[in-house]
Amino acid sequence: MITDKLPDLVDYIEGSITGAGRYDPDSRTLRWSIATVWAGQSSSVGYQARIAKGSTGQIISNDARITGDNTLPKVSNTVFTTIGQPKV
């Protein structure tokens, strides 16, 4: 299972999730159930989001968590992004 709780300044774009995922708007969390991934294999997931208006200069951070039957829980690297001015 992969989970990603969206930061406060980020809004999920409905229908954009890829892979076997779902979005829970109450908890603002994306969840993917991934089949077994063997050594040397890979899998990918994704989604699109919108940054809230009026958030220029704010810093958002995000990470994801992976849990499974045959692996220890892992947390991804945390990514920090400073929101810039929109291009006109």
C-alpha atoms as a PDB file:
ATOM      1  CA  MET A   1       0.000   0.000   0.000  1.00  0.00           C
ATOM      2  CA  ILE A   2       1.231   3.470  -0.890  1.00  0.00           C
ATOM      3  CA  THR A   3      -0.313   6.459   0.877  1.00  0.00           C
ATOM      4  CA  ASP A   4       0.194  10.172   0.267  1.00  0.00           C
ATOM      5  CA  LYS A   5      -1.567  12.762   2.442  1.00  0.00           C
ATOM      6  CA  LEU A   6      -1.870  16.021   0.528  1.00  0.00           C
ATOM      7  CA  PRO A   7      -0.454  19.187   2.116  1.00  0.00           C
ATOM      8  CA  ASP A   8      -2.915  21.941   3.074  1.00  0.00           C
ATOM      9  CA  LEU A   9      -2.111  24.216   0.105  1.00  0.00           C
ATOM     10  CA  VAL A  10      -2.585  21.421  -2.458  1.00  0.00           C
ATOM     11  CA  ASP A  11      -5.910  20.293  -3.951  1.00  0.00           C
ATOM     12  CA  TYR A  12      -6.301  16.963  -5.752  1.00  0.00           C
ATOM     13  CA  ILE A  13      -7.572  17.197  -9.347  1.00  0.00           C
ATOM     14  CA  GLU A  14     -10.516  14.813  -9.537  1.00  0.00           C
ATOM     15  CA  GLY A  15      -9.978  11.807 -11.803  1.00  0.00           C
ATOM     16  CA  SER A  16      -6.222  12.327 -12.214  1.00  0.00           C
ATOM     17  CA  ILE A  17      -4.996   9.394 -10.109  1.00  0.00           C
ATOM     18  CA  THR A  18      -3.146   6.695 -12.053  1.00  0.00           C
ATOM     19  CA  GLY A  19      -2.655   3.062 -11.125  1.00  0.00           C
ATOM     20  CA  ALA A  20      -5.008   1.160  -8.830  1.00  0.00           C
ATOM     21  CA  GLY A  21      -5.563   4.180  -6.610  1.00  0.00           C
ATOM     22  CA  ARG A  22      -8.310   6.087  -4.917  1.00  0.00           C
ATOM     23  CA  TYR A  23      -8.610   9.471  -3.197  1.00  0.00           C
ATOM     24  CA  ASP A  24     -10.330  10.035   0.154  1.00  0.00           C
ATOM     25  CA  PRO A  25     -11.402  13.707   0.293  1.00  0.00           C
ATOM     26  CA  ASP A  26     -12.219  13.533   4.026  1.00  0.00           C
ATOM     27  CA  SER A  27      -8.631  12.647   4.991  1.00  0.00           C
ATOM     28  CA  ARG A  28      -7.076  14.288   1.866  1.00  0.00           C
ATOM     29  CA  THR A  29      -5.179  11.028   1.312  1.00  0.00           C
ATOM     30  CA  LEU A  30      -4.365   9.128  -1.865  1.00  0.00           C
ATOM     31  CA  ARG A  31      -4.025   5.340  -1.554  1.00  0.00           C
ATOM     32  CA  TRP A  32      -2.758   2.764  -4.005  1.00  0.00           C
ATOM     33  CA  SER A  33      -2.928  -1.032  -3.647  1.00  0.00           C
ATOM     34  CA  ILE A  34       0.024  -2.463  -5.529  1.00  0.00           C
ATOM     35  CA  ALA A  35       0.367  -6.128  -6.468  1.00  0.00           C
ATOM     36  CA  THR A  36       3.593  -7.911  -5.603  1.00  0.00           C
ATOM     37  CA  VAL A  37       6.662  -6.172  -7.024  1.00  0.00           C
ATOM     38  CA  TRP A  38       9.576  -8.581  -7.289  1.00  0.00           C
ATOM     39  CA  ALA A  39      13.268  -7.670  -7.076  1.00  0.00           C
ATOM     40  CA  GLY A  40      14.301  -5.902 -10.275  1.00  0.00           C
ATOM     41  CA  GLN A  41      10.731  -4.892 -11.139  1.00  0.00           C
ATOM     42  CA  SER A  42       9.163  -1.475 -10.736  1.00  0.00           C
ATOM     43  CA  SER A  43       5.733   0.072 -10.514  1.00  0.00           C
ATOM     44  CA  SER A  44       4.589   3.669 -10.724  1.00  0.00           C
ATOM     45  CA  VAL A  45       1.656   5.731  -9.519  1.00  0.00           C
ATOM     46  CA  GLY A  46       0.705   9.350  -9.969  1.00  0.00           C
ATOM     47  CA  TYR A  47      -1.831  12.130  -9.644  1.00  0.00           C
ATOM     48  CA  GLN A  48      -2.260  15.798 -10.473  1.00  0.00           C
ATOM     49  CA  ALA A  49      -2.869  18.597  -7.998  1.00  0.00           C
ATOM     50  CA  ARG A  50      -3.520  22.321  -7.966  1.00  0.00           C
ATOM     51  CA  ILE A  51      -1.818  24.835  -5.699  1.00  0.00           C
ATOM     52  CA  ALA A  52      -4.215  27.071  -3.770  1.00  0.00           C
ATOM     53  CA  LYS A  53      -4.552  30.688  -4.940  1.00  0.00           C
ATOM     54  CA  GLY A  54      -2.802  33.231  -2.779  1.00  0.00           C
ATOM     55  CA  SER A  55      -0.056  30.825  -1.701  1.00  0.00           C
ATOM     56  CA  THR A  56       2.853  32.556  -3.472  1.00  0.00           C
ATOM     57  CA  GLY A  57       5.968  32.410  -1.297  1.00  0.00           C
ATOM     58  CA  GLN A  58       4.642  29.589   0.869  1.00  0.00           C
ATOM     59  CA  ILE A  59       6.658  26.397   1.279  1.00  0.00           C
ATOM     60  CA  ILE A  60       4.863  23.078   0.955  1.00  0.00           C
ATOM     61  CA  SER A  61       6.293  19.694   1.863  1.00  0.00           C
ATOM     62  CA  ASN A  62       5.159  16.250   0.818  1.00  0.00           C
ATOM     63  CA  ASP A  63       6.159  12.624   1.269  1.00  0.00           C
ATOM     64  CA  ALA A  64       4.608   9.198   0.698  1.00  0.00           C
ATOM     65  CA  ARG A  65       4.569   6.020   2.773  1.00  0.00           C
ATOM     66  CA  ILE A  66       4.884   2.410   1.655  1.00  0.00           C
ATOM     67  CA  THR A  67       3.702  -0.586   3.671  1.00  0.00           C
ATOM     68  CA  GLY A  68       3.398  -4.230   2.729  1.00  0.00           C
ATOM     69  CA  ASP A  69       3.350  -7.816   3.919  1.00  0.00           C
ATOM     70  CA  ASN A  70       6.990  -8.557   3.075  1.00  0.00           C
ATOM     71  CA  THR A  71       8.634  -5.199   3.687  1.00  0.00           C
ATOM     72  CA  LEU A  72       9.269  -2.841   6.551  1.00  0.00           C
ATOM     73  CA  PRO A  73       7.285   0.422   6.378  1.00  0.00           C
ATOM     74  CA  LYS A  74       9.161   3.109   4.426  1.00  0.00           C
ATOM     75  CA  VAL A  75       8.744   6.870   4.140  1.00  0.00           C
ATOM     76  CA  SER A  76       9.921   8.598   0.970  1.00  0.00           C
ATOM     77  CA  ASN A  77      12.241  11.559   0.993  1.00  0.00           C
ATOM     78  CA  THR A  78      10.341  14.706   1.923  1.00  0.00           C
ATOM     79  CA  VAL A  79      10.176  17.208  -0.925  1.00  0.00           C
ATOM     80  CA  PHE A  80      10.025  20.935  -0.090  1.00  0.00           C
ATOM     81  CA  THR A  81       8.747  23.344  -2.754  1.00  0.00           C
ATOM     82  CA  THR A  82       8.481  27.136  -2.591  1.00  0.00           C
ATOM     83  CA  ILE A  83       5.443  28.394  -4.479  1.00  0.00           C
ATOM     84  CA  GLY A  84       6.434  30.941  -7.108  1.00  0.00           C
ATOM     85  CA  GLN A  85       4.482  33.624  -8.974  1.00  0.00           C
ATOM     86  CA  PRO A  86       2.155  32.229 -11.656  1.00  0.00           C
ATOM     87  CA  LYS A  87       3.184  32.931 -15.246  1.00  0.00           C
ATOM     88  CA  VAL A  88       0.752  35.171 -17.076  1.00  0.00           C
END
